Amino acid sequence: MSITIPIIPFKEGEALLDWLELTEALADGHTLPRAEIADTFLYRDPDTLLSRAAWIDGLGSLVKTATVFPRNPEHGVPMVNGGVSLFSDLDGTLEALVDFHLVTKWKTAGDSLLAARRLARPDSERIVIAGAGTVGRSLCEAFAEAFPGAKIALWNRTLAKAEALARDIGSVDVAPDLEAAVRQADIVVSATMSSEPLIRGDWLRPGQHINLIGAYRPDMREADDAALRRAKIYVDSRDTTIGHIGEIQIPLDRGVITEADILADFYQLDAFAPGGTEDITLFKNGGGAHLDLMTSRYILDRWSAAQK
């Protein structure tokens, strides 16, 4: 018997998705047994083949493969390409091929949005997003959906880039000064490629939620030691942050914080609670293939429902 495997492209797939529904799907995914995850890297200077795999009992398995070819832009080809293969939990058969960029966009922003919906004050009125790249754009979309009454401002090290994105989106402002924007914000979201901290603890005030996305290497940070000391700290996954990302590991190594200061990850979602007006909450988005799996399953569910 011939079986047609769905191939879900970016534009057609995205038209079916909803940011708030995705956060609920991510929350539901963390009620299942803890995921098994593994990454593999292959290199051919200067190119990289990265495969991330996850298996969740009750949800299935996934392999997300990225090819990173730094010279591609010279020939008009995107530097990062890839694909996502989603497999059945029942018998291991291939269930769908999903656009790499679709999964990455919705996983990354959805991860942070789930944390913000649990940790930020629902009445938050001002949001500043640091970083005007691809992730910054998706964060504007996601946070506008969850906090429709809030004003969003974009900051970028190159002001012109923030101005261009703000014009393109049309519903966000530009923050020319990061310190001033952070001091005024109820929610601070950072998605930069900085190795040196941009967010200073002495800029923060009780009642704020800080949401950090950009740092993904052991040498990268977006917030300084003072921010970590002052905040209640949460992560999406202890397995993908502790020992892997400088945002958490550098202050651990320095004795600034201890592992006990990391109050919960998404497998303890009931412990995620808004800080109210007394506390600062800080969330580190570490990502991981298990979140790609949960996101891909949500995408396939929406795609399958649309075909009926």
Protein backbone atom coordinates (compact mmCIF):
# COMPACT_ATOMS: atom_id res chain seq x y z
CA MET A 1 0.00 0.00 0.00
CA SER A 2 1.33 3.43 -0.96
CA ILE A 3 1.44 6.06 1.79
CA THR A 4 1.93 9.75 1.05
CA ILE A 5 4.21 11.48 3.53
CA PRO A 6 3.22 15.12 4.14
CA ILE A 7 5.84 17.70 3.17
CA ILE A 8 5.00 20.88 5.08
CA PRO A 9 6.47 24.06 3.55
CA PHE A 10 6.99 27.33 5.41
CA LYS A 11 4.27 29.59 4.05
CA GLU A 12 1.47 27.04 3.91
CA GLY A 13 2.39 25.59 7.30
CA GLU A 14 2.70 28.92 9.08
CA ALA A 15 -0.75 30.02 7.92
CA LEU A 16 -2.25 27.34 10.16
CA LEU A 17 -0.38 28.14 13.37
CA ASP A 18 -1.23 30.14 16.49
CA TRP A 19 1.32 31.35 19.06
CA LEU A 20 -0.87 30.77 22.10
CA GLU A 21 -1.85 27.29 20.95
CA LEU A 22 1.82 26.46 20.47
CA THR A 23 2.67 27.42 24.05
CA GLU A 24 -0.07 25.09 25.27
CA ALA A 25 1.33 22.31 23.08
CA LEU A 26 4.79 22.88 24.57
CA ALA A 27 3.34 22.79 28.07
CA ASP A 28 1.51 19.54 27.30
CA GLY A 29 4.70 18.04 25.87
CA HIS A 30 6.43 18.56 29.20
CA THR A 31 3.83 16.45 31.01
CA LEU A 32 5.22 13.42 29.13
CA PRO A 33 8.35 11.50 30.18
CA ARG A 34 11.55 13.54 29.97
CA ALA A 35 13.00 13.58 26.46
CA GLU A 36 16.13 11.81 25.36
CA ILE A 37 18.21 14.21 23.26
CA ALA A 38 21.51 14.05 21.38
CA ASP A 39 23.43 16.26 18.96
CA THR A 40 26.04 15.32 16.35
CA PHE A 41 28.37 17.62 14.41
CA LEU A 42 30.28 16.90 11.22
CA TYR A 43 32.73 19.38 9.73
CA ARG A 44 34.32 20.17 6.37
CA ASP A 45 36.03 23.49 6.81
CA PRO A 46 34.30 25.95 6.76
CA ASP A 47 31.02 24.01 6.51
CA THR A 48 29.05 22.22 9.23
CA LEU A 49 26.42 19.47 9.27
CA LEU A 50 24.50 19.52 12.57
CA SER A 51 21.88 16.93 13.47
CA ARG A 52 19.76 17.20 16.59
CA ALA A 53 17.66 14.22 17.66
CA ALA A 54 14.95 13.79 20.28
CA TRP A 55 12.69 10.98 21.45
CA ILE A 56 9.73 11.47 23.76
CA ASP A 57 7.74 8.44 24.84
CA GLY A 58 4.17 9.17 23.77
CA LEU A 59 5.06 11.85 21.22
CA GLY A 60 7.47 10.20 18.80
CA SER A 61 10.96 11.04 17.61
CA LEU A 62 12.62 13.64 15.42
CA VAL A 63 15.84 14.41 13.62
CA LYS A 64 16.45 18.04 12.71
CA THR A 65 19.40 18.52 10.39
CA ALA A 66 21.03 21.86 9.61
CA THR A 67 23.69 22.58 7.01
CA VAL A 68 25.75 25.71 7.68
CA PHE A 69 27.72 26.85 4.61
CA PRO A 70 29.23 30.29 5.35
CA ARG A 71 30.15 30.95 1.71
CA ASN A 72 26.59 30.46 0.42
CA PRO A 73 25.57 34.15 0.61
CA GLU A 74 28.30 34.94 -1.93
CA HIS A 75 26.25 32.90 -4.41
CA GLY A 76 22.81 34.13 -3.36
CA VAL A 77 22.04 31.00 -1.31
CA PRO A 78 21.07 31.13 2.40
CA MET A 79 23.90 30.21 4.75
CA VAL A 80 21.72 27.88 6.87
CA ASN A 81 19.51 25.20 5.33
CA GLY A 82 18.10 21.93 6.55
CA GLY A 83 15.10 19.74 7.13
CA VAL A 84 13.07 18.10 9.90
CA SER A 85 12.01 14.45 9.88
CA LEU A 86 9.22 13.49 12.27
CA PHE A 87 8.70 9.81 13.16
CA SER A 88 5.77 7.90 14.62
CA ASP A 89 5.86 6.93 18.28
CA LEU A 90 3.87 3.80 17.46
CA ASP A 91 6.03 2.13 14.81
CA GLY A 92 8.88 4.50 13.95
CA THR A 93 7.64 5.22 10.43
CA LEU A 94 8.27 8.64 8.86
CA GLU A 95 5.19 10.82 9.45
CA ALA A 96 6.22 14.16 7.96
CA LEU A 97 8.99 16.29 6.50
CA VAL A 98 8.70 19.81 7.89
CA ASP A 99 10.42 23.00 6.72
CA PHE A 100 13.52 23.61 8.84
CA HIS A 101 12.99 27.37 9.14
CA LEU A 102 9.32 26.97 10.08
CA VAL A 103 10.16 24.68 13.00
CA THR A 104 13.08 26.83 14.13
CA LYS A 105 11.11 30.08 14.08
CA TRP A 106 8.13 28.78 16.01
CA LYS A 107 10.17 26.67 18.46
CA THR A 108 12.51 29.53 19.39
CA ALA A 109 9.92 32.24 19.93
CA GLY A 110 7.34 29.81 21.35
CA ASP A 111 9.84 28.57 23.96
CA SER A 112 10.34 32.11 25.30
CA LEU A 113 6.67 32.99 25.00
CA LEU A 114 5.66 30.03 27.16
CA ALA A 115 8.01 31.27 29.89
CA ALA A 116 6.76 34.84 29.60
CA ARG A 117 3.14 33.75 29.85
CA ARG A 118 3.99 32.00 33.11
CA LEU A 119 6.50 34.47 34.63
CA ALA A 120 5.62 37.96 33.39
CA ARG A 121 2.82 40.04 34.85
CA PRO A 122 -0.28 39.65 32.65
CA ASP A 123 -0.81 43.42 32.81
CA SER A 124 2.64 44.19 31.37
CA GLU A 125 2.45 47.39 29.34
CA ARG A 126 5.97 47.87 27.92
CA ILE A 127 8.13 45.27 26.17
CA VAL A 128 11.61 45.90 24.82
CA ILE A 129 13.15 43.41 22.40
CA ALA A 130 16.93 43.60 21.93
CA GLY A 131 18.00 42.28 18.54
CA ALA A 132 16.45 43.16 15.19
CA GLY A 133 17.32 39.99 13.29
CA THR A 134 15.15 37.09 12.19
CA VAL A 135 14.46 36.01 15.78
CA GLY A 136 13.65 39.57 16.80
CA ARG A 137 10.99 39.73 14.10
CA SER A 138 9.33 36.51 15.27
CA LEU A 139 9.45 37.70 18.89
CA CYS A 140 7.56 40.84 17.92
CA GLU A 141 4.84 38.62 16.40
CA ALA A 142 4.69 36.22 19.33
CA PHE A 143 4.72 38.73 22.18
CA ALA A 144 2.17 40.98 20.47
CA GLU A 145 -0.18 37.99 20.39
CA ALA A 146 0.23 37.16 24.09
CA PHE A 147 0.36 40.75 25.39
CA PRO A 148 -1.95 42.62 23.00
CA GLY A 149 -2.19 45.71 25.18
CA ALA A 150 1.56 46.21 25.49
CA LYS A 151 3.73 48.59 23.49
CA ILE A 152 6.75 46.89 21.93
CA ALA A 153 10.03 48.70 21.26
CA LEU A 154 12.99 47.32 19.30
CA TRP A 155 16.64 47.97 20.14
CA ASN A 156 19.60 46.95 18.01
CA ARG A 157 23.28 47.79 18.23
CA THR A 158 22.94 49.17 14.70
CA LEU A 159 20.03 51.57 15.08
CA ALA A 160 19.23 51.61 11.38
CA LYS A 161 18.47 47.89 11.47
CA ALA A 162 15.95 48.36 14.28
CA GLU A 163 14.39 51.26 12.40
CA ALA A 164 14.08 49.18 9.22
CA LEU A 165 12.42 46.27 11.02
CA ALA A 166 10.08 48.59 12.92
CA ARG A 167 8.99 50.19 9.63
CA ASP A 168 8.44 46.78 8.09
CA ILE A 169 6.34 45.52 11.00
CA GLY A 170 4.52 48.81 11.42
CA SER A 171 3.25 48.25 14.96
CA VAL A 172 6.44 48.56 17.03
CA ASP A 173 8.59 51.48 18.13
CA VAL A 174 12.37 51.94 18.16
CA ALA A 175 14.38 52.18 21.38
CA PRO A 176 17.55 54.18 20.66
CA ASP A 177 18.96 53.71 24.17
CA LEU A 178 18.99 50.20 25.67
CA GLU A 179 19.44 51.24 29.29
CA ALA A 180 16.53 53.67 29.19
CA ALA A 181 14.33 51.09 27.46
CA VAL A 182 15.18 48.35 29.97
CA ARG A 183 14.52 50.63 32.94
CA GLN A 184 11.05 51.44 31.59
CA ALA A 185 10.07 47.95 30.41
CA ASP A 186 7.91 45.39 32.15
CA ILE A 187 9.29 42.61 29.92
CA VAL A 188 12.85 42.59 28.54
CA VAL A 189 13.57 40.09 25.75
CA SER A 190 17.11 39.75 24.41
CA ALA A 191 18.00 37.89 21.21
CA THR A 192 21.45 39.10 20.25
CA MET A 193 24.72 37.42 19.30
CA SER A 194 26.62 39.18 22.08
CA SER A 195 29.42 37.47 24.00
CA GLU A 196 29.55 40.30 26.53
CA PRO A 197 26.57 41.11 28.78
CA LEU A 198 24.24 43.80 27.49
CA ILE A 199 21.62 43.71 30.24
CA ARG A 200 22.89 45.16 33.52
CA GLY A 201 21.49 44.15 36.86
CA ASP A 202 21.55 47.71 38.18
CA TRP A 203 19.12 48.71 35.42
CA LEU A 204 16.47 46.29 36.67
CA ARG A 205 13.58 46.84 39.09
CA PRO A 206 11.19 44.52 40.94
CA GLY A 207 8.26 43.38 38.85
CA GLN A 208 10.19 42.89 35.62
CA HIS A 209 10.53 39.72 33.58
CA ILE A 210 13.83 39.16 31.75
CA ASN A 211 13.83 36.64 28.89
CA LEU A 212 17.20 35.69 27.38
CA ILE A 213 17.49 33.89 24.05
CA GLY A 214 20.63 34.81 22.14
CA ALA A 215 23.50 33.14 24.00
CA TYR A 216 24.00 29.55 22.85
CA ARG A 217 27.76 28.94 23.26
CA PRO A 218 29.82 28.52 26.45
CA ASP A 219 31.42 31.94 25.89
CA MET A 220 28.19 33.90 25.30
CA ARG A 221 26.14 35.98 27.72
CA GLU A 222 23.50 38.69 27.46
CA ALA A 223 23.00 39.52 31.17
CA ASP A 224 25.64 40.31 33.80
CA ASP A 225 26.28 38.74 37.20
CA ALA A 226 24.23 41.38 39.00
CA ALA A 227 21.16 40.49 36.94
CA LEU A 228 21.52 36.83 37.83
CA ARG A 229 22.01 37.63 41.52
CA ARG A 230 18.92 39.82 41.69
CA ALA A 231 16.54 37.52 39.82
CA LYS A 232 14.59 34.36 40.36
CA ILE A 233 16.10 32.12 37.67
CA TYR A 234 14.26 29.66 35.43
CA VAL A 235 15.35 27.71 32.32
CA ASP A 236 13.57 25.71 29.65
CA SER A 237 15.82 22.69 30.23
CA ARG A 238 18.54 22.03 32.77
CA ASP A 239 20.01 19.53 30.29
CA THR A 240 20.59 22.10 27.53
CA THR A 241 21.66 25.08 29.66
CA ILE A 242 23.77 23.90 32.61
CA GLY A 243 27.22 22.97 31.35
CA HIS A 244 26.49 24.25 27.85
CA ILE A 245 25.61 27.96 27.76
CA GLY A 246 27.68 30.76 29.22
CA GLU A 247 24.60 32.64 30.40
CA ILE A 248 24.21 30.04 33.13
CA GLN A 249 27.54 28.22 33.31
CA ILE A 250 29.87 31.23 33.67
CA PRO A 251 28.13 32.54 36.81
CA LEU A 252 27.97 28.97 38.12
CA ASP A 253 31.72 28.56 37.63
CA ARG A 254 32.39 31.88 39.34
CA GLY A 255 30.22 31.02 42.33
CA VAL A 256 27.86 33.90 41.56
CA ILE A 257 24.94 31.45 41.62
CA THR A 258 24.51 27.76 42.44
CA GLU A 259 22.42 25.14 40.69
CA ALA A 260 19.94 25.47 43.55
CA ASP A 261 19.31 29.05 42.39
CA ILE A 262 17.81 27.67 39.17
CA LEU A 263 14.31 27.22 40.51
CA ALA A 264 12.73 25.14 37.75
CA ASP A 265 12.72 24.07 34.13
CA PHE A 266 9.74 23.30 31.92
CA TYR A 267 9.41 19.83 33.42
CA GLN A 268 8.41 21.69 36.61
CA LEU A 269 6.06 24.19 34.99
CA ASP A 270 3.87 24.39 38.07
CA ALA A 271 6.80 26.16 39.76
CA PHE A 272 6.77 28.96 37.16
CA ALA A 273 4.94 31.88 38.77
CA PRO A 274 4.87 35.63 38.11
CA GLY A 275 7.11 37.68 40.35
CA GLY A 276 4.39 40.24 40.95
CA THR A 277 5.70 43.64 41.97
CA GLU A 278 8.30 42.32 44.42
CA ASP A 279 10.58 40.08 42.36
CA ILE A 280 12.51 39.99 39.10
CA THR A 281 12.07 36.80 37.10
CA LEU A 282 14.73 35.71 34.61
CA PHE A 283 14.35 32.95 32.03
CA LYS A 284 17.06 31.41 29.88
CA ASN A 285 15.96 29.88 26.58
CA GLY A 286 18.40 27.07 25.80
CA GLY A 287 16.44 25.30 23.09
CA GLY A 288 16.93 21.63 22.33
CA ALA A 289 15.65 19.01 19.93
CA HIS A 290 12.87 18.01 22.32
CA LEU A 291 11.31 21.44 21.76
CA ASP A 292 11.69 20.97 18.00
CA LEU A 293 9.84 17.67 18.39
CA MET A 294 6.98 19.22 20.37
CA THR A 295 6.73 22.08 17.87
CA SER A 296 6.83 19.76 14.85
CA ARG A 297 4.12 17.57 16.33
CA TYR A 298 1.94 20.67 16.81
CA ILE A 299 2.60 21.74 13.21
CA LEU A 300 1.70 18.29 11.87
CA ASP A 301 -1.47 18.16 13.97
CA ARG A 302 -2.61 21.51 12.55
CA TRP A 303 -1.65 20.45 9.02
CA SER A 304 -3.52 17.16 9.30
CA ALA A 305 -6.63 18.88 10.69
CA ALA A 306 -6.62 21.32 7.75
CA GLN A 307 -6.60 18.48 5.23
CA LYS A 308 -9.88 16.97 6.50
